[in-house]
């Protein structure tokens, strides 16, 4: 799955390189370029989510975060 995402990202980069020279010439190319940029961003986010350490996140939720109150900022 990870290799597939990496290959898809590289493919999007190649598409962007080809479309970059045609952005100013055509509205359709500009829209297509924007669409490919968005798709690449989605793939990058999916890849980042896969690489995150799930165990560390689960442990973090076990320990409650200490909430600050407004009065805590005015203590001396």
C-alpha atoms as a PDB file:
ATOM      1  CA  UNK A   1       0.000   0.000   0.000  1.00  0.00           C
ATOM      2  CA  UNK A   2       2.801   2.399   0.895  1.00  0.00           C
ATOM      3  CA  UNK A   3       4.663   1.697  -2.352  1.00  0.00           C
ATOM      4  CA  UNK A   4       1.484   2.266  -4.327  1.00  0.00           C
ATOM      5  CA  UNK A   5       1.022   5.668  -2.691  1.00  0.00           C
ATOM      6  CA  UNK A   6       4.614   6.637  -3.405  1.00  0.00           C
ATOM      7  CA  UNK A   7       4.253   5.608  -7.045  1.00  0.00           C
ATOM      8  CA  UNK A   8       0.994   7.545  -7.337  1.00  0.00           C
ATOM      9  CA  UNK A   9       2.665  10.645  -5.876  1.00  0.00           C
ATOM     10  CA  UNK A  10       5.522  10.363  -8.366  1.00  0.00           C
ATOM     11  CA  UNK A  11       3.008   9.998 -11.196  1.00  0.00           C
ATOM     12  CA  UNK A  12       1.220  13.165 -10.036  1.00  0.00           C
ATOM     13  CA  UNK A  13       4.557  14.998  -9.946  1.00  0.00           C
ATOM     14  CA  UNK A  14       5.200  13.978 -13.547  1.00  0.00           C
ATOM     15  CA  UNK A  15       1.747  15.185 -14.568  1.00  0.00           C
ATOM     16  CA  UNK A  16       2.374  18.495 -12.818  1.00  0.00           C
ATOM     17  CA  UNK A  17       5.676  18.929 -14.623  1.00  0.00           C
ATOM     18  CA  UNK A  18       3.972  18.401 -17.980  1.00  0.00           C
ATOM     19  CA  UNK A  19       1.069  20.724 -17.187  1.00  0.00           C
ATOM     20  CA  UNK A  20       3.166  23.499 -15.673  1.00  0.00           C
ATOM     21  CA  UNK A  21       4.214  24.914 -19.046  1.00  0.00           C
ATOM     22  CA  UNK A  22       0.579  25.046 -20.252  1.00  0.00           C
ATOM     23  CA  UNK A  23      -1.032  26.720 -17.234  1.00  0.00           C
ATOM     24  CA  UNK A  24      -1.083  30.215 -18.724  1.00  0.00           C
ATOM     25  CA  UNK A  25      -2.195  29.062 -22.169  1.00  0.00           C
ATOM     26  CA  UNK A  26      -5.491  27.375 -21.363  1.00  0.00           C
ATOM     27  CA  UNK A  27      -8.168  27.559 -18.704  1.00  0.00           C
ATOM     28  CA  UNK A  28      -8.709  23.799 -18.948  1.00  0.00           C
ATOM     29  CA  UNK A  29      -5.013  23.117 -18.328  1.00  0.00           C
ATOM     30  CA  UNK A  30      -5.080  25.448 -15.357  1.00  0.00           C
ATOM     31  CA  UNK A  31      -8.071  23.629 -13.864  1.00  0.00           C
ATOM     32  CA  UNK A  32      -6.468  20.254 -14.531  1.00  0.00           C
ATOM     33  CA  UNK A  33      -3.237  21.442 -12.879  1.00  0.00           C
ATOM     34  CA  UNK A  34      -5.169  22.536  -9.784  1.00  0.00           C
ATOM     35  CA  UNK A  35      -6.980  19.190  -9.678  1.00  0.00           C
ATOM     36  CA  UNK A  36      -3.707  17.248  -9.857  1.00  0.00           C
ATOM     37  CA  UNK A  37      -2.184  19.421  -7.111  1.00  0.00           C
ATOM     38  CA  UNK A  38      -5.170  18.621  -4.900  1.00  0.00           C
ATOM     39  CA  UNK A  39      -4.935  14.895  -5.639  1.00  0.00           C
ATOM     40  CA  UNK A  40      -1.216  14.934  -4.821  1.00  0.00           C
ATOM     41  CA  UNK A  41      -1.899  16.685  -1.514  1.00  0.00           C
ATOM     42  CA  UNK A  42      -4.489  14.032  -0.622  1.00  0.00           C
ATOM     43  CA  UNK A  43      -2.024  11.245  -1.429  1.00  0.00           C
ATOM     44  CA  UNK A  44       0.686  12.941   0.666  1.00  0.00           C
ATOM     45  CA  UNK A  45      -1.736  13.179   3.594  1.00  0.00           C
ATOM     46  CA  UNK A  46      -2.647   9.498   3.281  1.00  0.00           C
ATOM     47  CA  UNK A  47       1.041   8.583   3.248  1.00  0.00           C
ATOM     48  CA  UNK A  48       1.722  10.725   6.313  1.00  0.00           C
ATOM     49  CA  UNK A  49      -1.206   9.103   8.143  1.00  0.00           C
ATOM     50  CA  UNK A  50       0.193   5.656   7.382  1.00  0.00           C
ATOM     51  CA  UNK A  51       3.633   6.564   8.704  1.00  0.00           C
ATOM     52  CA  UNK A  52       2.415   8.023  11.985  1.00  0.00           C
ATOM     53  CA  UNK A  53       3.045   5.976  15.067  1.00  0.00           C
ATOM     54  CA  UNK A  54      -0.406   4.710  16.057  1.00  0.00           C
ATOM     55  CA  UNK A  55       0.791   3.211  19.342  1.00  0.00           C
ATOM     56  CA  UNK A  56       2.173   6.522  20.607  1.00  0.00           C
ATOM     57  CA  UNK A  57      -1.089   8.269  19.808  1.00  0.00           C
ATOM     58  CA  UNK A  58      -3.091   5.667  21.724  1.00  0.00           C
ATOM     59  CA  UNK A  59      -0.840   6.044  24.764  1.00  0.00           C
ATOM     60  CA  UNK A  60      -1.220   9.812  24.641  1.00  0.00           C
ATOM     61  CA  UNK A  61      -4.979   9.502  24.949  1.00  0.00           C
ATOM     62  CA  UNK A  62      -4.639   7.399  28.101  1.00  0.00           C
ATOM     63  CA  UNK A  63      -3.122  10.317  29.985  1.00  0.00           C
ATOM     64  CA  UNK A  64      -5.480  13.283  30.174  1.00  0.00           C
ATOM     65  CA  UNK A  65      -4.127  16.644  29.168  1.00  0.00           C
ATOM     66  CA  UNK A  66      -4.110  19.201  31.957  1.00  0.00           C
ATOM     67  CA  UNK A  67      -6.466  21.971  31.005  1.00  0.00           C
ATOM     68  CA  UNK A  68      -5.578  25.538  31.884  1.00  0.00           C
ATOM     69  CA  UNK A  69      -8.168  27.828  33.296  1.00  0.00           C
ATOM     70  CA  UNK A  70      -8.234  31.579  32.863  1.00  0.00           C
ATOM     71  CA  UNK A  71      -7.438  32.026  36.555  1.00  0.00           C
ATOM     72  CA  UNK A  72      -4.209  30.020  36.084  1.00  0.00           C
ATOM     73  CA  UNK A  73      -2.762  32.821  33.960  1.00  0.00           C
ATOM     74  CA  UNK A  74      -3.254  35.391  36.725  1.00  0.00           C
ATOM     75  CA  UNK A  75      -1.606  33.450  39.547  1.00  0.00           C
ATOM     76  CA  UNK A  76       1.623  34.882  40.895  1.00  0.00           C
END
